[in-house]
Protein backbone atom coordinates (compact mmCIF):
# COMPACT_ATOMS: atom_id res chain seq x y z
CA MET A 1 -19.29 9.78 -14.93
CA THR A 2 -19.66 8.06 -11.56
CA GLY A 3 -17.77 9.40 -8.59
CA GLY A 4 -17.51 8.85 -4.86
CA THR A 5 -14.76 8.04 -2.38
CA TYR A 6 -11.68 5.96 -3.16
CA THR A 7 -8.61 4.63 -1.41
CA LEU A 8 -5.43 3.82 -3.31
CA LEU A 9 -3.22 0.96 -2.06
CA ILE A 10 0.45 1.74 -2.60
CA GLU A 11 3.50 -0.39 -1.88
CA LEU A 12 6.83 1.32 -1.23
CA ASP A 13 9.69 -1.16 -1.73
CA ARG A 14 12.28 0.79 0.25
CA ARG A 15 12.48 3.81 2.48
CA ALA A 16 12.33 7.07 0.54
CA THR A 17 12.57 10.77 1.22
CA ILE A 18 10.22 12.60 -1.11
CA GLU A 19 9.58 16.29 -1.70
CA VAL A 20 5.78 16.52 -1.23
CA GLY A 21 4.69 19.92 -2.51
CA ALA A 22 4.05 22.37 0.33
CA LEU A 23 4.72 19.64 2.94
CA ALA A 24 8.44 19.75 2.01
CA GLU A 25 10.77 16.73 2.25
CA THR A 26 9.13 13.81 3.97
CA ALA A 27 10.58 10.44 5.01
CA PHE A 28 8.45 7.43 4.09
CA PRO A 29 9.36 4.04 5.57
CA ALA A 30 9.15 1.00 3.31
CA GLY A 31 5.77 -0.72 3.52
CA TRP A 32 2.17 -0.16 2.46
CA TYR A 33 0.17 3.05 2.21
CA ALA A 34 -3.52 3.75 1.79
CA TYR A 35 -4.41 7.17 0.40
CA THR A 36 -8.08 8.16 0.67
CA GLY A 37 -9.55 10.82 -1.59
CA SER A 38 -12.79 11.94 -3.14
CA ALA A 39 -13.84 11.93 -6.75
CA LEU A 40 -17.13 13.76 -6.49
CA GLY A 41 -16.60 16.36 -9.20
CA SER A 42 -17.59 16.19 -12.85
CA GLY A 43 -14.70 13.83 -13.70
CA GLY A 44 -15.76 11.28 -11.11
CA PHE A 45 -13.53 8.25 -10.77
CA GLY A 46 -11.54 9.52 -13.75
CA ARG A 47 -9.35 11.03 -11.02
CA VAL A 48 -8.37 7.49 -9.97
CA ASP A 49 -7.43 6.69 -13.57
CA ARG A 50 -5.20 9.77 -13.51
CA HIS A 51 -3.46 8.46 -10.35
CA TYR A 52 -2.73 5.19 -12.18
CA GLU A 53 -1.22 7.20 -15.05
CA VAL A 54 1.06 9.09 -12.63
CA ALA A 55 2.13 5.80 -11.03
CA ALA A 56 2.89 4.32 -14.48
CA GLY A 57 5.03 7.33 -15.41
CA GLU A 58 2.56 8.45 -18.09
CA ARG A 59 1.93 11.85 -16.41
CA ALA A 60 4.55 14.11 -14.89
CA THR A 61 2.27 16.82 -13.48
CA ARG A 62 1.77 16.68 -9.72
CA HIS A 63 -1.59 18.11 -8.55
CA TRP A 64 -2.16 16.32 -5.23
CA HIS A 65 0.11 15.14 -2.41
CA VAL A 66 -0.35 11.51 -3.44
CA ASP A 67 1.07 12.28 -6.89
CA TYR A 68 4.48 12.85 -5.29
CA LEU A 69 4.40 9.45 -3.61
CA LEU A 70 3.08 7.73 -6.75
CA GLY A 71 5.85 9.35 -8.79
CA CYS A 72 8.56 7.76 -6.65
CA ALA A 73 10.40 5.01 -8.54
CA ASP A 74 10.11 2.65 -5.54
CA ALA A 75 6.32 3.08 -5.21
CA SER A 76 3.80 0.80 -6.92
CA LEU A 77 0.03 1.34 -7.08
CA ARG A 78 -1.36 -2.09 -6.14
CA GLY A 79 -5.10 -1.46 -6.38
CA ASP A 80 -7.93 0.63 -5.02
CA VAL A 81 -11.20 0.42 -3.14
CA ARG A 82 -14.12 2.58 -4.32
CA THR A 83 -17.47 3.50 -2.82
CA PRO A 84 -19.58 5.08 -5.60
CA GLY A 85 -21.86 7.99 -4.76
CA ALA A 86 -20.60 8.34 -1.18
CA ASP A 87 -18.89 11.33 0.42
CA ILE A 88 -17.07 9.37 3.15
CA GLU A 89 -13.47 10.49 2.57
CA CYS A 90 -12.80 11.78 6.11
CA ALA A 91 -14.69 8.92 7.79
CA VAL A 92 -12.57 6.36 5.94
CA ALA A 93 -9.29 8.23 6.47
CA THR A 94 -9.79 8.54 10.23
CA ALA A 95 -10.68 4.83 10.56
CA LEU A 96 -7.32 3.75 9.12
CA PRO A 97 -3.88 3.49 10.82
CA ASP A 98 -1.81 6.61 11.44
CA SER A 99 0.30 8.30 8.79
CA PRO A 100 4.03 9.02 8.90
CA CYS A 101 3.25 12.33 7.17
CA SER A 102 1.10 14.80 9.06
CA GLY A 103 -1.26 16.77 6.83
CA PHE A 104 -0.81 14.50 3.80
CA GLY A 105 -3.91 14.79 1.61
CA ALA A 106 -5.79 16.71 4.30
CA SER A 107 -5.20 20.33 3.35
CA ASP A 108 -8.94 21.00 2.96
CA CYS A 109 -10.26 19.34 6.15
CA ASP A 110 -9.51 18.88 9.85
CA CYS A 111 -8.14 15.33 9.57
CA SER A 112 -4.54 14.72 10.63
CA ALA A 113 -3.86 13.01 7.26
CA HIS A 114 -5.54 11.02 4.48
CA LEU A 115 -2.58 8.67 4.18
CA ALA A 116 -2.35 5.54 6.34
CA TYR A 117 0.69 3.31 6.81
CA ALA A 118 1.10 -0.38 7.63
CA SER A 119 3.88 -2.91 7.19
CA ASP A 120 1.40 -5.64 6.19
CA GLY A 121 -0.31 -5.02 2.85
CA GLU A 122 -3.07 -7.61 3.23
CA ARG A 123 -4.03 -6.33 6.67
CA LEU A 124 -4.14 -2.76 5.34
CA ARG A 125 -6.28 -3.83 2.36
CA GLU A 126 -8.75 -5.49 4.76
CA SER A 127 -8.81 -2.38 6.98
CA VAL A 128 -9.57 -0.20 3.96
CA ALA A 129 -12.41 -2.43 2.77
CA THR A 130 -13.91 -2.49 6.27
CA ALA A 131 -13.59 1.30 6.67
CA HIS A 132 -15.37 1.88 3.34
CA ARG A 133 -18.14 -0.58 4.17
CA GLU A 134 -18.74 0.80 7.68
CA ALA A 135 -18.59 4.48 6.63
CA ALA A 136 -21.00 3.86 3.74
CA SER A 137 -23.47 2.12 6.06
CA ARG A 138 -23.53 5.22 8.32
CA GLU A 139 -24.03 7.71 5.47
């Protein structure tokens, strides 16, 4: 199965306070989020399919920080950007806007977070696509 780096695009309709595993309760303003992760293991991009299942309410188990956000009733998974065969997770995450949640998705690296926030969904989607393209060209 093919793997690489992916970024999920998530819309949060209204402000929410969510218990995010070891990060405890976290306040998320309404708006758009971009979560960047890697799918380099044997399951490849099957991990992204699993995130869609969590967002649809088809899976209750929370393995990663993003699962807590995706499990919020006011959150909707609006798409993703994938770069097959590339290990550019941190490069993409650091190229995106800041996160309201320090440490989110970055428990195994030195990044401040792997979750970006923006009020404008289209602008965030463009930033994600550009970050993937530029990081892949440097790999």
